[in-house]
PDB file of all heavy atoms in Angstrom:
ATOM      1  N   PHE A   1       0.849  -1.243   0.012  1.00  0.00           N
ATOM      2  CA  PHE A   1      -0.042  -0.034   0.013  1.00  0.00           C
ATOM      3  C   PHE A   1       0.883   1.226  -0.055  1.00  0.00           C
ATOM      4  O   PHE A   1       0.334   2.304  -0.392  1.00  0.00           O
ATOM      5  CB  PHE A   1      -0.950  -0.046   1.229  1.00  0.00           C
ATOM      6  CG  PHE A   1      -2.054  -1.063   1.122  1.00  0.00           C
ATOM      7  CD1 PHE A   1      -2.204  -1.884   2.121  1.00  0.00           C
ATOM      8  CD2 PHE A   1      -2.907  -1.047   0.068  1.00  0.00           C
ATOM      9  CE1 PHE A   1      -3.246  -2.883   2.138  1.00  0.00           C
ATOM     10  CE2 PHE A   1      -3.989  -1.941  -0.031  1.00  0.00           C
ATOM     11  CZ  PHE A   1      -4.100  -2.856   1.094  1.00  0.00           C
ATOM     12  N   ALA A   2       2.120   1.217   0.472  1.00  0.00           N
ATOM     13  CA  ALA A   2       2.909   2.279   0.574  1.00  0.00           C
ATOM     14  C   ALA A   2       4.290   1.926  -0.125  1.00  0.00           C
ATOM     15  O   ALA A   2       4.776   0.828  -0.099  1.00  0.00           O
ATOM     16  CB  ALA A   2       3.313   2.668   2.069  1.00  0.00           C
ATOM     17  N   GLU A   3       4.876   2.972  -0.735  1.00  0.00           N
ATOM     18  CA  GLU A   3       6.094   2.788  -1.493  1.00  0.00           C
ATOM     19  C   GLU A   3       7.265   2.623  -0.526  1.00  0.00           C
ATOM     20  O   GLU A   3       7.145   3.082   0.641  1.00  0.00           O
ATOM     21  CB  GLU A   3       6.288   4.048  -2.471  1.00  0.00           C
ATOM     22  CG  GLU A   3       5.253   4.189  -3.472  1.00  0.00           C
ATOM     23  CD  GLU A   3       5.299   3.125  -4.617  1.00  0.00           C
ATOM     24  OE1 GLU A   3       6.318   2.497  -4.757  1.00  0.00           O
ATOM     25  OE2 GLU A   3       4.240   3.047  -5.308  1.00  0.00           O
ATOM     26  N   ALA A   4       8.397   2.255  -1.025  1.00  0.00           N
ATOM     27  CA  ALA A   4       9.602   2.165  -0.188  1.00  0.00           C
ATOM     28  C   ALA A   4       9.964   3.585   0.250  1.00  0.00           C
ATOM     29  O   ALA A   4      10.340   3.767   1.434  1.00  0.00           O
ATOM     30  CB  ALA A   4      10.723   1.620  -0.948  1.00  0.00           C
ATOM     31  N   ASP A   5       9.779   4.530  -0.598  1.00  0.00           N
ATOM     32  CA  ASP A   5       9.909   5.977  -0.182  1.00  0.00           C
ATOM     33  C   ASP A   5       8.478   6.539  -0.197  1.00  0.00           C
ATOM     34  O   ASP A   5       7.904   6.846  -1.220  1.00  0.00           O
ATOM     35  CB  ASP A   5      10.773   6.806  -1.179  1.00  0.00           C
ATOM     36  CG  ASP A   5      10.873   8.299  -0.812  1.00  0.00           C
ATOM     37  OD1 ASP A   5      10.197   8.685   0.200  1.00  0.00           O
ATOM     38  OD2 ASP A   5      11.453   9.040  -1.540  1.00  0.00           O
ATOM     39  N   PRO A   6       7.850   6.610   1.004  1.00  0.00           N
ATOM     40  CA  PRO A   6       6.385   7.081   1.085  1.00  0.00           C
ATOM     41  C   PRO A   6       6.135   8.475   1.065  1.00  0.00           C
ATOM     42  O   PRO A   6       4.989   8.980   1.347  1.00  0.00           O
ATOM     43  CB  PRO A   6       5.953   6.318   2.345  1.00  0.00           C
ATOM     44  CG  PRO A   6       7.163   6.497   3.292  1.00  0.00           C
ATOM     45  CD  PRO A   6       8.349   6.357   2.299  1.00  0.00           C
ATOM     46  N   THR A   7       7.177   9.312   0.798  1.00  0.00           N
ATOM     47  CA  THR A   7       7.056  10.777   0.992  1.00  0.00           C
ATOM     48  C   THR A   7       5.941  11.391   0.394  1.00  0.00           C
ATOM     49  O   THR A   7       5.126  12.157   0.977  1.00  0.00           O
ATOM     50  CB  THR A   7       8.344  11.466   0.603  1.00  0.00           C
ATOM     51  OG1 THR A   7       9.535  10.913   1.221  1.00  0.00           O
ATOM     52  CG2 THR A   7       8.337  12.925   0.869  1.00  0.00           C
ATOM     53  N   SER A   8       5.679  11.040  -0.929  1.00  0.00           N
ATOM     54  CA  SER A   8       4.566  11.689  -1.709  1.00  0.00           C
ATOM     55  C   SER A   8       3.207  11.487  -0.982  1.00  0.00           C
ATOM     56  O   SER A   8       2.312  12.373  -0.966  1.00  0.00           O
ATOM     57  CB  SER A   8       4.527  11.167  -3.064  1.00  0.00           C
ATOM     58  OG  SER A   8       3.529  11.797  -3.828  1.00  0.00           O
ATOM     59  N   ASP A   9       3.069  10.388  -0.485  1.00  0.00           N
ATOM     60  CA  ASP A   9       1.759  10.006   0.234  1.00  0.00           C
ATOM     61  C   ASP A   9       1.773  10.622   1.557  1.00  0.00           C
ATOM     62  O   ASP A   9       0.784  11.302   1.915  1.00  0.00           O
ATOM     63  CB  ASP A   9       1.632   8.490   0.293  1.00  0.00           C
ATOM     64  CG  ASP A   9       1.349   7.905  -1.093  1.00  0.00           C
ATOM     65  OD1 ASP A   9       0.652   8.479  -1.927  1.00  0.00           O
ATOM     66  OD2 ASP A   9       1.869   6.797  -1.327  1.00  0.00           O
ATOM     67  N   VAL A  10       2.668  10.300   2.460  1.00  0.00           N
ATOM     68  CA  VAL A  10       2.584  10.615   3.854  1.00  0.00           C
ATOM     69  C   VAL A  10       2.778  12.019   4.145  1.00  0.00           C
ATOM     70  O   VAL A  10       2.314  12.524   5.206  1.00  0.00           O
ATOM     71  CB  VAL A  10       3.471   9.749   4.722  1.00  0.00           C
ATOM     72  CG1 VAL A  10       3.123   8.213   4.590  1.00  0.00           C
ATOM     73  CG2 VAL A  10       4.969   9.999   4.449  1.00  0.00           C
ATOM     74  N   GLU A  11       3.380  12.782   3.229  1.00  0.00           N
ATOM     75  CA  GLU A  11       3.591  14.217   3.402  1.00  0.00           C
ATOM     76  C   GLU A  11       2.550  15.028   2.732  1.00  0.00           C
ATOM     77  O   GLU A  11       2.581  16.224   2.707  1.00  0.00           O
ATOM     78  CB  GLU A  11       4.962  14.674   3.009  1.00  0.00           C
ATOM     79  CG  GLU A  11       6.108  14.014   3.794  1.00  0.00           C
ATOM     80  CD  GLU A  11       6.177  14.667   5.227  1.00  0.00           C
ATOM     81  OE1 GLU A  11       5.357  15.486   5.654  1.00  0.00           O
ATOM     82  OE2 GLU A  11       7.015  14.234   6.033  1.00  0.00           O
ATOM     83  N   GLY A  12       1.522  14.394   2.150  1.00  0.00           N
ATOM     84  CA  GLY A  12       0.434  15.073   1.536  1.00  0.00           C
ATOM     85  C   GLY A  12       0.563  15.568   0.144  1.00  0.00           C
ATOM     86  O   GLY A  12      -0.335  16.165  -0.454  1.00  0.00           O
ATOM     87  N   PHE A  13       1.669  15.254  -0.526  1.00  0.00           N
ATOM     88  CA  PHE A  13       1.849  15.793  -1.929  1.00  0.00           C
ATOM     89  C   PHE A  13       0.886  15.140  -2.772  1.00  0.00           C
ATOM     90  O   PHE A  13       0.240  15.852  -3.691  1.00  0.00           O
ATOM     91  CB  PHE A  13       3.258  15.397  -2.427  1.00  0.00           C
ATOM     92  CG  PHE A  13       4.410  16.252  -1.753  1.00  0.00           C
ATOM     93  CD1 PHE A  13       5.067  15.691  -0.663  1.00  0.00           C
ATOM     94  CD2 PHE A  13       4.703  17.482  -2.157  1.00  0.00           C
ATOM     95  CE1 PHE A  13       6.130  16.415  -0.126  1.00  0.00           C
ATOM     96  CE2 PHE A  13       5.622  18.200  -1.607  1.00  0.00           C
ATOM     97  CZ  PHE A  13       6.383  17.747  -0.535  1.00  0.00           C
ATOM     98  N   ASP A  14       0.657  13.867  -2.829  1.00  0.00           N
ATOM     99  CA  ASP A  14      -0.271  13.197  -3.630  1.00  0.00           C
ATOM    100  C   ASP A  14      -1.652  13.753  -3.531  1.00  0.00           C
ATOM    101  O   ASP A  14      -2.375  14.050  -4.586  1.00  0.00           O
ATOM    102  CB  ASP A  14      -0.242  11.721  -3.317  1.00  0.00           C
ATOM    103  CG  ASP A  14      -1.331  10.880  -4.182  1.00  0.00           C
ATOM    104  OD1 ASP A  14      -0.962  10.527  -5.294  1.00  0.00           O
ATOM    105  OD2 ASP A  14      -2.397  10.631  -3.677  1.00  0.00           O
ATOM    106  N   ALA A  15      -2.114  13.972  -2.281  1.00  0.00           N
ATOM    107  CA  ALA A  15      -3.512  14.487  -2.107  1.00  0.00           C
ATOM    108  C   ALA A  15      -3.580  15.953  -2.576  1.00  0.00           C
ATOM    109  O   ALA A  15      -4.618  16.351  -3.077  1.00  0.00           O
ATOM    110  CB  ALA A  15      -3.826  14.387  -0.597  1.00  0.00           C
ATOM    111  N   ALA A  16      -2.490  16.731  -2.479  1.00  0.00           N
ATOM    112  CA  ALA A  16      -2.558  18.078  -2.960  1.00  0.00           C
ATOM    113  C   ALA A  16      -2.594  18.091  -4.502  1.00  0.00           C
ATOM    114  O   ALA A  16      -3.327  18.963  -5.022  1.00  0.00           O
ATOM    115  CB  ALA A  16      -1.225  18.757  -2.410  1.00  0.00           C
ATOM    116  N   TYR A  17      -1.856  17.210  -5.105  1.00  0.00           N
ATOM    117  CA  TYR A  17      -2.032  17.134  -6.596  1.00  0.00           C
ATOM    118  C   TYR A  17      -3.490  16.882  -6.935  1.00  0.00           C
ATOM    119  O   TYR A  17      -4.048  17.521  -7.838  1.00  0.00           O
ATOM    120  CB  TYR A  17      -1.261  16.005  -7.237  1.00  0.00           C
ATOM    121  CG  TYR A  17       0.285  16.044  -6.936  1.00  0.00           C
ATOM    122  CD1 TYR A  17       1.018  14.963  -6.736  1.00  0.00           C
ATOM    123  CD2 TYR A  17       1.053  17.245  -6.965  1.00  0.00           C
ATOM    124  CE1 TYR A  17       2.371  14.902  -6.605  1.00  0.00           C
ATOM    125  CE2 TYR A  17       2.316  17.313  -6.764  1.00  0.00           C
ATOM    126  CZ  TYR A  17       3.004  16.116  -6.551  1.00  0.00           C
ATOM    127  OH  TYR A  17       4.425  16.200  -6.360  1.00  0.00           O
ATOM    128  N   LYS A  18      -4.115  15.935  -6.292  1.00  0.00           N
ATOM    129  CA  LYS A  18      -5.486  15.683  -6.621  1.00  0.00           C
ATOM    130  C   LYS A  18      -6.474  16.763  -6.275  1.00  0.00           C
ATOM    131  O   LYS A  18      -7.437  16.974  -6.975  1.00  0.00           O
ATOM    132  CB  LYS A  18      -5.842  14.297  -5.900  1.00  0.00           C
ATOM    133  CG  LYS A  18      -5.094  13.057  -6.325  1.00  0.00           C
ATOM    134  CD  LYS A  18      -5.396  11.902  -5.425  1.00  0.00           C
ATOM    135  CE  LYS A  18      -4.548  10.629  -5.877  1.00  0.00           C
ATOM    136  NZ  LYS A  18      -4.632   9.550  -4.945  1.00  0.00           N
ATOM    137  N   LEU A  19      -6.161  17.423  -5.206  1.00  0.00           N
ATOM    138  CA  LEU A  19      -7.051  18.580  -4.795  1.00  0.00           C
ATOM    139  C   LEU A  19      -6.930  19.663  -5.760  1.00  0.00           C
ATOM    140  O   LEU A  19      -8.004  20.367  -6.077  1.00  0.00           O
ATOM    141  CB  LEU A  19      -6.736  19.027  -3.326  1.00  0.00           C
ATOM    142  CG  LEU A  19      -7.582  20.237  -2.859  1.00  0.00           C
ATOM    143  CD1 LEU A  19      -9.103  19.803  -2.850  1.00  0.00           C
ATOM    144  CD2 LEU A  19      -7.146  20.666  -1.495  1.00  0.00           C
ATOM    145  N   SER A  20      -5.834  19.915  -6.330  1.00  0.00           N
ATOM    146  CA  SER A  20      -5.692  20.947  -7.361  1.00  0.00           C
ATOM    147  C   SER A  20      -6.594  20.621  -8.592  1.00  0.00           C
ATOM    148  O   SER A  20      -7.228  21.462  -9.100  1.00  0.00           O
ATOM    149  CB  SER A  20      -4.164  20.977  -7.848  1.00  0.00           C
ATOM    150  OG  SER A  20      -4.037  21.873  -8.892  1.00  0.00           O
ATOM    151  N   ILE A  21      -6.607  19.287  -8.937  1.00  0.00           N
ATOM    152  CA  ILE A  21      -7.456  18.957 -10.118  1.00  0.00           C
ATOM    153  C   ILE A  21      -8.957  18.996  -9.651  1.00  0.00           C
ATOM    154  O   ILE A  21      -9.751  19.601 -10.491  1.00  0.00           O
ATOM    155  CB  ILE A  21      -7.040  17.422 -10.503  1.00  0.00           C
ATOM    156  CG1 ILE A  21      -5.577  17.477 -11.008  1.00  0.00           C
ATOM    157  CG2 ILE A  21      -7.986  17.033 -11.627  1.00  0.00           C
ATOM    158  CD1 ILE A  21      -5.043  16.106 -11.222  1.00  0.00           C
ATOM    159  N   LEU A  22      -9.265  18.369  -8.625  1.00  0.00           N
ATOM    160  CA  LEU A  22     -10.696  18.298  -8.214  1.00  0.00           C
ATOM    161  C   LEU A  22     -11.191  19.678  -7.894  1.00  0.00           C
ATOM    162  O   LEU A  22     -12.352  20.001  -8.224  1.00  0.00           O
ATOM    163  CB  LEU A  22     -10.843  17.443  -6.940  1.00  0.00           C
ATOM    164  CG  LEU A  22     -10.553  15.926  -7.226  1.00  0.00           C
ATOM    165  CD1 LEU A  22     -10.597  15.187  -5.790  1.00  0.00           C
ATOM    166  CD2 LEU A  22     -11.583  15.313  -8.175  1.00  0.00           C
ATOM    167  N   GLY A  23     -10.445  20.529  -7.158  1.00  0.00           N
ATOM    168  CA  GLY A  23     -10.893  21.802  -6.844  1.00  0.00           C
ATOM    169  C   GLY A  23     -11.043  22.767  -8.073  1.00  0.00           C
ATOM    170  O   GLY A  23     -11.998  23.507  -8.161  1.00  0.00           O
ATOM    171  N   SER A  24     -10.109  22.601  -9.059  1.00  0.00           N
ATOM    172  CA  SER A  24     -10.189  23.374 -10.354  1.00  0.00           C
ATOM    173  C   SER A  24     -11.502  22.956 -11.017  1.00  0.00           C
ATOM    174  O   SER A  24     -12.188  23.804 -11.625  1.00  0.00           O
ATOM    175  CB  SER A  24      -9.047  23.130 -11.221  1.00  0.00           C
ATOM    176  OG  SER A  24      -7.780  23.531 -10.562  1.00  0.00           O
ATOM    177  N   MET A  25     -11.791  21.661 -11.073  1.00  0.00           N
ATOM    178  CA  MET A  25     -12.941  21.182 -11.801  1.00  0.00           C
ATOM    179  C   MET A  25     -14.267  21.642 -11.021  1.00  0.00           C
ATOM    180  O   MET A  25     -15.263  22.004 -11.588  1.00  0.00           O
ATOM    181  CB  MET A  25     -12.983  19.633 -11.851  1.00  0.00           C
ATOM    182  CG  MET A  25     -11.858  19.042 -12.600  1.00  0.00           C
ATOM    183  SD  MET A  25     -11.851  19.492 -14.379  1.00  0.00           S
ATOM    184  CE  MET A  25     -13.235  18.548 -14.967  1.00  0.00           C
ATOM    185  N   ALA A  26     -14.271  21.532  -9.673  1.00  0.00           N
ATOM    186  CA  ALA A  26     -15.487  21.871  -8.857  1.00  0.00           C
ATOM    187  C   ALA A  26     -15.747  23.307  -8.965  1.00  0.00           C
ATOM    188  O   ALA A  26     -16.930  23.677  -9.052  1.00  0.00           O
ATOM    189  CB  ALA A  26     -15.199  21.396  -7.434  1.00  0.00           C
ATOM    190  N   PHE A  27     -14.710  24.102  -8.833  1.00  0.00           N
ATOM    191  CA  PHE A  27     -14.987  25.626  -8.677  1.00  0.00           C
ATOM    192  C   PHE A  27     -14.855  26.325 -10.024  1.00  0.00           C
ATOM    193  O   PHE A  27     -14.936  27.606 -10.119  1.00  0.00           O
ATOM    194  CB  PHE A  27     -13.979  26.201  -7.645  1.00  0.00           C
ATOM    195  CG  PHE A  27     -14.141  25.547  -6.330  1.00  0.00           C
ATOM    196  CD1 PHE A  27     -13.028  25.149  -5.658  1.00  0.00           C
ATOM    197  CD2 PHE A  27     -15.371  25.262  -5.744  1.00  0.00           C
ATOM    198  CE1 PHE A  27     -13.129  24.503  -4.454  1.00  0.00           C
ATOM    199  CE2 PHE A  27     -15.551  24.595  -4.508  1.00  0.00           C
ATOM    200  CZ  PHE A  27     -14.337  24.204  -3.889  1.00  0.00           C
ATOM    201  N   ARG A  28     -14.525  25.586 -11.103  1.00  0.00           N
ATOM    202  CA  ARG A  28     -14.494  26.156 -12.443  1.00  0.00           C
ATOM    203  C   ARG A  28     -13.425  27.235 -12.633  1.00  0.00           C
ATOM    204  O   ARG A  28     -13.581  28.231 -13.311  1.00  0.00           O
ATOM    205  CB  ARG A  28     -15.903  26.727 -12.918  1.00  0.00           C
ATOM    206  CG  ARG A  28     -17.027  25.763 -12.688  1.00  0.00           C
ATOM    207  CD  ARG A  28     -16.988  24.550 -13.559  1.00  0.00           C
ATOM    208  NE  ARG A  28     -18.060  23.597 -13.276  1.00  0.00           N
ATOM    209  CZ  ARG A  28     -18.202  22.446 -13.807  1.00  0.00           C
ATOM    210  NH1 ARG A  28     -17.368  22.017 -14.731  1.00  0.00           N
ATOM    211  NH2 ARG A  28     -19.197  21.657 -13.561  1.00  0.00           N
ATOM    212  N   THR A  29     -12.332  27.142 -11.918  1.00  0.00           N
ATOM    213  CA  THR A  29     -11.247  27.996 -12.048  1.00  0.00           C
ATOM    214  C   THR A  29      -9.989  27.285 -11.585  1.00  0.00           C
ATOM    215  O   THR A  29     -10.058  26.311 -10.885  1.00  0.00           O
ATOM    216  CB  THR A  29     -11.422  29.243 -11.189  1.00  0.00           C
ATOM    217  OG1 THR A  29     -10.391  30.183 -11.326  1.00  0.00           O
ATOM    218  CG2 THR A  29     -11.557  28.950  -9.706  1.00  0.00           C
ATOM    219  N   CYS A  30      -8.820  27.769 -11.920  1.00  0.00           N
ATOM    220  CA  CYS A  30      -7.604  27.096 -11.493  1.00  0.00           C
ATOM    221  C   CYS A  30      -7.360  27.207 -10.063  1.00  0.00           C
ATOM    222  O   CYS A  30      -7.440  28.324  -9.543  1.00  0.00           O
ATOM    223  CB  CYS A  30      -6.432  27.610 -12.389  1.00  0.00           C
ATOM    224  SG  CYS A  30      -4.856  26.924 -11.947  1.00  0.00           S
TER     225      CYS A  30
END
């Protein structure tokens, strides 16, 4: 479930990438 280097997940980078996409779609602006 976690990579050998889990930084992207456990430090919130992965979720921030996804929020950028979802927020942009939801709020119709970047």
